[in-house]
Amino acid sequence: MAEPAKKVAQQTEDRLEDLAETVRKKFDKVTEGTYRDRIIAGRFAEDGDRSRPEPDHKQD
């Protein structure tokens, strides 16, 4: 790859990494104190683990 193309590719990669970090921060800010925190606190698991359905048959 020619040097100018490598430079453009590196700049693009850096900009995408910055964008991804910005999106992560904004997402965390929007979800903070809501659904994310309830999951971390375990409030959905109070009555046992209901995330997996009971099997319809017994295994031998």
PDB file of N, CA and C in Angstrom:
ATOM      1  N   MET A   1       0.855  -1.175   0.000  1.00  0.00           N
ATOM      2  CA  MET A   1       0.000   0.000   0.000  1.00  0.00           C
ATOM      3  C   MET A   1       0.898   1.234   0.000  1.00  0.00           C
ATOM      4  N   ALA A   2       0.544   2.227  -0.740  1.00  0.00           N
ATOM      5  CA  ALA A   2       1.338   3.447  -0.812  1.00  0.00           C
ATOM      6  C   ALA A   2       1.235   4.212   0.505  1.00  0.00           C
ATOM      7  N   GLU A   3       2.247   4.992   0.784  1.00  0.00           N
ATOM      8  CA  GLU A   3       2.284   5.735   2.045  1.00  0.00           C
ATOM      9  C   GLU A   3       1.054   6.633   2.263  1.00  0.00           C
ATOM     10  N   PRO A   4       0.615   7.399   1.271  1.00  0.00           N
ATOM     11  CA  PRO A   4      -0.586   8.223   1.496  1.00  0.00           C
ATOM     12  C   PRO A   4      -1.816   7.382   1.843  1.00  0.00           C
ATOM     13  N   ALA A   5      -1.938   6.230   1.221  1.00  0.00           N
ATOM     14  CA  ALA A   5      -3.070   5.350   1.509  1.00  0.00           C
ATOM     15  C   ALA A   5      -2.983   4.802   2.928  1.00  0.00           C
ATOM     16  N   LYS A   6      -1.780   4.452   3.382  1.00  0.00           N
ATOM     17  CA  LYS A   6      -1.604   3.973   4.760  1.00  0.00           C
ATOM     18  C   LYS A   6      -1.967   5.062   5.754  1.00  0.00           C
ATOM     19  N   LYS A   7      -1.564   6.289   5.452  1.00  0.00           N
ATOM     20  CA  LYS A   7      -1.858   7.417   6.337  1.00  0.00           C
ATOM     21  C   LYS A   7      -3.368   7.642   6.439  1.00  0.00           C
ATOM     22  N   VAL A   8      -4.049   7.596   5.311  1.00  0.00           N
ATOM     23  CA  VAL A   8      -5.507   7.768   5.306  1.00  0.00           C
ATOM     24  C   VAL A   8      -6.177   6.638   6.062  1.00  0.00           C
ATOM     25  N   ALA A   9      -5.713   5.421   5.862  1.00  0.00           N
ATOM     26  CA  ALA A   9      -6.282   4.270   6.560  1.00  0.00           C
ATOM     27  C   ALA A   9      -6.087   4.397   8.072  1.00  0.00           C
ATOM     28  N   GLN A  10      -4.924   4.836   8.505  1.00  0.00           N
ATOM     29  CA  GLN A  10      -4.661   5.008   9.938  1.00  0.00           C
ATOM     30  C   GLN A  10      -5.537   6.108  10.527  1.00  0.00           C
ATOM     31  N   GLN A  11      -5.684   7.206   9.806  1.00  0.00           N
ATOM     32  CA  GLN A  11      -6.537   8.294  10.282  1.00  0.00           C
ATOM     33  C   GLN A  11      -7.989   7.838  10.396  1.00  0.00           C
ATOM     34  N   THR A  12      -8.437   7.070   9.430  1.00  0.00           N
ATOM     35  CA  THR A  12      -9.802   6.555   9.455  1.00  0.00           C
ATOM     36  C   THR A  12     -10.002   5.616  10.638  1.00  0.00           C
ATOM     37  N   GLU A  13      -9.040   4.743  10.872  1.00  0.00           N
ATOM     38  CA  GLU A  13      -9.128   3.822  12.007  1.00  0.00           C
ATOM     39  C   GLU A  13      -9.173   4.586  13.323  1.00  0.00           C
ATOM     40  N   ASP A  14      -8.336   5.603  13.471  1.00  0.00           N
ATOM     41  CA  ASP A  14      -8.324   6.410  14.689  1.00  0.00           C
ATOM     42  C   ASP A  14      -9.658   7.120  14.908  1.00  0.00           C
ATOM     43  N   ARG A  15     -10.209   7.655  13.828  1.00  0.00           N
ATOM     44  CA  ARG A  15     -11.497   8.347  13.942  1.00  0.00           C
ATOM     45  C   ARG A  15     -12.610   7.381  14.322  1.00  0.00           C
ATOM     46  N   LEU A  16     -12.592   6.166  13.760  1.00  0.00           N
ATOM     47  CA  LEU A  16     -13.608   5.170  14.111  1.00  0.00           C
ATOM     48  C   LEU A  16     -13.480   4.726  15.561  1.00  0.00           C
ATOM     49  N   GLU A  17     -12.266   4.581  16.060  1.00  0.00           N
ATOM     50  CA  GLU A  17     -12.061   4.223  17.459  1.00  0.00           C
ATOM     51  C   GLU A  17     -12.588   5.329  18.375  1.00  0.00           C
ATOM     52  N   ASP A  18     -12.325   6.580  18.009  1.00  0.00           N
ATOM     53  CA  ASP A  18     -12.841   7.699  18.797  1.00  0.00           C
ATOM     54  C   ASP A  18     -14.370   7.722  18.785  1.00  0.00           C
ATOM     55  N   LEU A  19     -14.942   7.470  17.627  1.00  0.00           N
ATOM     56  CA  LEU A  19     -16.396   7.434  17.508  1.00  0.00           C
ATOM     57  C   LEU A  19     -16.993   6.322  18.361  1.00  0.00           C
ATOM     58  N   ALA A  20     -16.384   5.147  18.319  1.00  0.00           N
ATOM     59  CA  ALA A  20     -16.876   4.023  19.122  1.00  0.00           C
ATOM     60  C   ALA A  20     -16.815   4.351  20.612  1.00  0.00           C
ATOM     61  N   GLU A  21     -15.765   4.983  21.056  1.00  0.00           N
ATOM     62  CA  GLU A  21     -15.639   5.367  22.465  1.00  0.00           C
ATOM     63  C   GLU A  21     -16.707   6.385  22.840  1.00  0.00           C
ATOM     64  N   THR A  22     -16.960   7.334  21.977  1.00  0.00           N
ATOM     65  CA  THR A  22     -17.994   8.338  22.231  1.00  0.00           C
ATOM     66  C   THR A  22     -19.371   7.686  22.336  1.00  0.00           C
ATOM     67  N   VAL A  23     -19.656   6.764  21.439  1.00  0.00           N
ATOM     68  CA  VAL A  23     -20.941   6.064  21.470  1.00  0.00           C
ATOM     69  C   VAL A  23     -21.081   5.263  22.759  1.00  0.00           C
ATOM     70  N   ARG A  24     -20.011   4.562  23.181  1.00  0.00           N
ATOM     71  CA  ARG A  24     -20.052   3.800  24.434  1.00  0.00           C
ATOM     72  C   ARG A  24     -20.348   4.705  25.617  1.00  0.00           C
ATOM     73  N   LYS A  25     -19.674   5.838  25.684  1.00  0.00           N
ATOM     74  CA  LYS A  25     -19.878   6.772  26.797  1.00  0.00           C
ATOM     75  C   LYS A  25     -21.301   7.308  26.824  1.00  0.00           C
ATOM     76  N   LYS A  26     -21.827   7.676  25.658  1.00  0.00           N
ATOM     77  CA  LYS A  26     -23.189   8.198  25.600  1.00  0.00           C
ATOM     78  C   LYS A  26     -24.202   7.122  25.957  1.00  0.00           C
ATOM     79  N   PHE A  27     -23.983   5.892  25.501  1.00  0.00           N
ATOM     80  CA  PHE A  27     -24.884   4.794  25.831  1.00  0.00           C
ATOM     81  C   PHE A  27     -24.886   4.551  27.335  1.00  0.00           C
ATOM     82  N   ASP A  28     -23.693   4.524  27.949  1.00  0.00           N
ATOM     83  CA  ASP A  28     -23.605   4.330  29.389  1.00  0.00           C
ATOM     84  C   ASP A  28     -24.310   5.456  30.143  1.00  0.00           C
ATOM     85  N   LYS A  29     -24.186   6.670  29.657  1.00  0.00           N
ATOM     86  CA  LYS A  29     -24.830   7.810  30.307  1.00  0.00           C
ATOM     87  C   LYS A  29     -26.350   7.706  30.215  1.00  0.00           C
ATOM     88  N   VAL A  30     -26.843   7.294  29.061  1.00  0.00           N
ATOM     89  CA  VAL A  30     -28.287   7.175  28.867  1.00  0.00           C
ATOM     90  C   VAL A  30     -28.861   6.044  29.706  1.00  0.00           C
ATOM     91  N   THR A  31     -28.158   4.922  29.779  1.00  0.00           N
ATOM     92  CA  THR A  31     -28.693   3.753  30.476  1.00  0.00           C
ATOM     93  C   THR A  31     -28.335   3.721  31.951  1.00  0.00           C
ATOM     94  N   GLU A  32     -27.480   4.597  32.408  1.00  0.00           N
ATOM     95  CA  GLU A  32     -27.061   4.589  33.809  1.00  0.00           C
ATOM     96  C   GLU A  32     -28.259   4.844  34.715  1.00  0.00           C
ATOM     97  N   GLY A  33     -28.364   4.048  35.757  1.00  0.00           N
ATOM     98  CA  GLY A  33     -29.440   4.226  36.713  1.00  0.00           C
ATOM     99  C   GLY A  33     -30.750   3.616  36.265  1.00  0.00           C
ATOM    100  N   THR A  34     -30.747   2.869  35.206  1.00  0.00           N
ATOM    101  CA  THR A  34     -31.989   2.296  34.718  1.00  0.00           C
ATOM    102  C   THR A  34     -31.839   0.787  34.585  1.00  0.00           C
ATOM    103  N   TYR A  35     -32.167   0.290  33.445  1.00  0.00           N
ATOM    104  CA  TYR A  35     -32.178  -1.150  33.197  1.00  0.00           C
ATOM    105  C   TYR A  35     -30.844  -1.798  33.498  1.00  0.00           C
ATOM    106  N   ARG A  36     -29.774  -1.177  33.076  1.00  0.00           N
ATOM    107  CA  ARG A  36     -28.427  -1.726  33.278  1.00  0.00           C
ATOM    108  C   ARG A  36     -28.127  -1.931  34.764  1.00  0.00           C
ATOM    109  N   ASP A  37     -28.437  -0.942  35.571  1.00  0.00           N
ATOM    110  CA  ASP A  37     -28.160  -1.049  36.997  1.00  0.00           C
ATOM    111  C   ASP A  37     -29.034  -2.103  37.674  1.00  0.00           C
ATOM    112  N   ARG A  38     -30.276  -2.247  37.233  1.00  0.00           N
ATOM    113  CA  ARG A  38     -31.135  -3.279  37.820  1.00  0.00           C
ATOM    114  C   ARG A  38     -30.604  -4.670  37.521  1.00  0.00           C
ATOM    115  N   ILE A  39     -30.079  -4.859  36.334  1.00  0.00           N
ATOM    116  CA  ILE A  39     -29.510  -6.157  35.983  1.00  0.00           C
ATOM    117  C   ILE A  39     -28.277  -6.423  36.835  1.00  0.00           C
ATOM    118  N   ILE A  40     -27.407  -5.422  36.949  1.00  0.00           N
ATOM    119  CA  ILE A  40     -26.186  -5.587  37.739  1.00  0.00           C
ATOM    120  C   ILE A  40     -26.516  -5.854  39.206  1.00  0.00           C
ATOM    121  N   ALA A  41     -27.539  -5.190  39.723  1.00  0.00           N
ATOM    122  CA  ALA A  41     -27.933  -5.365  41.121  1.00  0.00           C
ATOM    123  C   ALA A  41     -28.624  -6.706  41.351  1.00  0.00           C
ATOM    124  N   GLY A  42     -29.030  -7.388  40.294  1.00  0.00           N
ATOM    125  CA  GLY A  42     -29.659  -8.696  40.420  1.00  0.00           C
ATOM    126  C   GLY A  42     -31.119  -8.641  40.793  1.00  0.00           C
ATOM    127  N   ARG A  43     -31.782  -7.556  40.532  1.00  0.00           N
ATOM    128  CA  ARG A  43     -33.191  -7.429  40.916  1.00  0.00           C
ATOM    129  C   ARG A  43     -34.107  -8.334  40.122  1.00  0.00           C
ATOM    130  N   PHE A  44     -33.663  -8.828  38.975  1.00  0.00           N
ATOM    131  CA  PHE A  44     -34.503  -9.706  38.180  1.00  0.00           C
ATOM    132  C   PHE A  44     -34.340 -11.164  38.587  1.00  0.00           C
ATOM    133  N   ALA A  45     -33.448 -11.444  39.506  1.00  0.00           N
ATOM    134  CA  ALA A  45     -33.196 -12.822  39.914  1.00  0.00           C
ATOM    135  C   ALA A  45     -33.655 -13.072  41.348  1.00  0.00           C
ATOM    136  N   GLU A  46     -34.581 -12.262  41.871  1.00  0.00           N
ATOM    137  CA  GLU A  46     -35.013 -12.390  43.259  1.00  0.00           C
ATOM    138  C   GLU A  46     -35.684 -13.725  43.559  1.00  0.00           C
ATOM    139  N   ASP A  47     -36.526 -14.215  42.658  1.00  0.00           N
ATOM    140  CA  ASP A  47     -37.281 -15.440  42.900  1.00  0.00           C
ATOM    141  C   ASP A  47     -36.616 -16.661  42.269  1.00  0.00           C
ATOM    142  N   GLY A  48     -35.331 -16.659  42.209  1.00  0.00           N
ATOM    143  CA  GLY A  48     -34.631 -17.774  41.597  1.00  0.00           C
ATOM    144  C   GLY A  48     -34.290 -17.467  40.158  1.00  0.00           C
ATOM    145  N   ASP A  49     -33.638 -18.405  39.557  1.00  0.00           N
ATOM    146  CA  ASP A  49     -33.210 -18.211  38.175  1.00  0.00           C
ATOM    147  C   ASP A  49     -34.346 -18.589  37.231  1.00  0.00           C
ATOM    148  N   ARG A  50     -35.012 -17.603  36.699  1.00  0.00           N
ATOM    149  CA  ARG A  50     -36.124 -17.856  35.770  1.00  0.00           C
ATOM    150  C   ARG A  50     -35.736 -17.557  34.338  1.00  0.00           C
ATOM    151  N   SER A  51     -34.468 -17.340  34.108  1.00  0.00           N
ATOM    152  CA  SER A  51     -34.039 -17.014  32.755  1.00  0.00           C
ATOM    153  C   SER A  51     -34.059 -18.235  31.839  1.00  0.00           C
ATOM    154  N   ARG A  52     -34.008 -19.427  32.422  1.00  0.00           N
ATOM    155  CA  ARG A  52     -34.033 -20.653  31.621  1.00  0.00           C
ATOM    156  C   ARG A  52     -35.339 -21.387  31.876  1.00  0.00           C
ATOM    157  N   PRO A  53     -36.068 -21.751  30.841  1.00  0.00           N
ATOM    158  CA  PRO A  53     -37.313 -22.493  31.048  1.00  0.00           C
ATOM    159  C   PRO A  53     -37.036 -23.894  31.552  1.00  0.00           C
ATOM    160  N   GLU A  54     -37.991 -24.433  32.247  1.00  0.00           N
ATOM    161  CA  GLU A  54     -37.875 -25.798  32.745  1.00  0.00           C
ATOM    162  C   GLU A  54     -37.946 -26.768  31.563  1.00  0.00           C
ATOM    163  N   PRO A  55     -37.165 -27.841  31.586  1.00  0.00           N
ATOM    164  CA  PRO A  55     -37.225 -28.810  30.483  1.00  0.00           C
ATOM    165  C   PRO A  55     -38.546 -29.547  30.513  1.00  0.00           C
ATOM    166  N   ASP A  56     -39.041 -29.909  29.329  1.00  0.00           N
ATOM    167  CA  ASP A  56     -40.325 -30.612  29.214  1.00  0.00           C
ATOM    168  C   ASP A  56     -40.195 -32.088  29.533  1.00  0.00           C
ATOM    169  N   HIS A  57     -38.990 -32.607  29.517  1.00  0.00           N
ATOM    170  CA  HIS A  57     -38.778 -34.026  29.771  1.00  0.00           C
ATOM    171  C   HIS A  57     -37.589 -34.214  30.711  1.00  0.00           C
ATOM    172  N   LYS A  58     -37.581 -35.351  31.357  1.00  0.00           N
ATOM    173  CA  LYS A  58     -36.461 -35.658  32.257  1.00  0.00           C
ATOM    174  C   LYS A  58     -35.352 -36.309  31.467  1.00  0.00           C
ATOM    175  N   GLN A  59     -34.128 -35.937  31.837  1.00  0.00           N
ATOM    176  CA  GLN A  59     -32.986 -36.549  31.174  1.00  0.00           C
ATOM    177  C   GLN A  59     -32.590 -37.805  31.939  1.00  0.00           C
ATOM    178  N   ASP A  60     -32.161 -38.834  31.207  1.00  0.00           N
ATOM    179  CA  ASP A  60     -31.738 -40.091  31.856  1.00  0.00           C
ATOM    180  C   ASP A  60     -30.285 -40.055  32.195  1.00  0.00           C
TER     181      ASP A  60
END
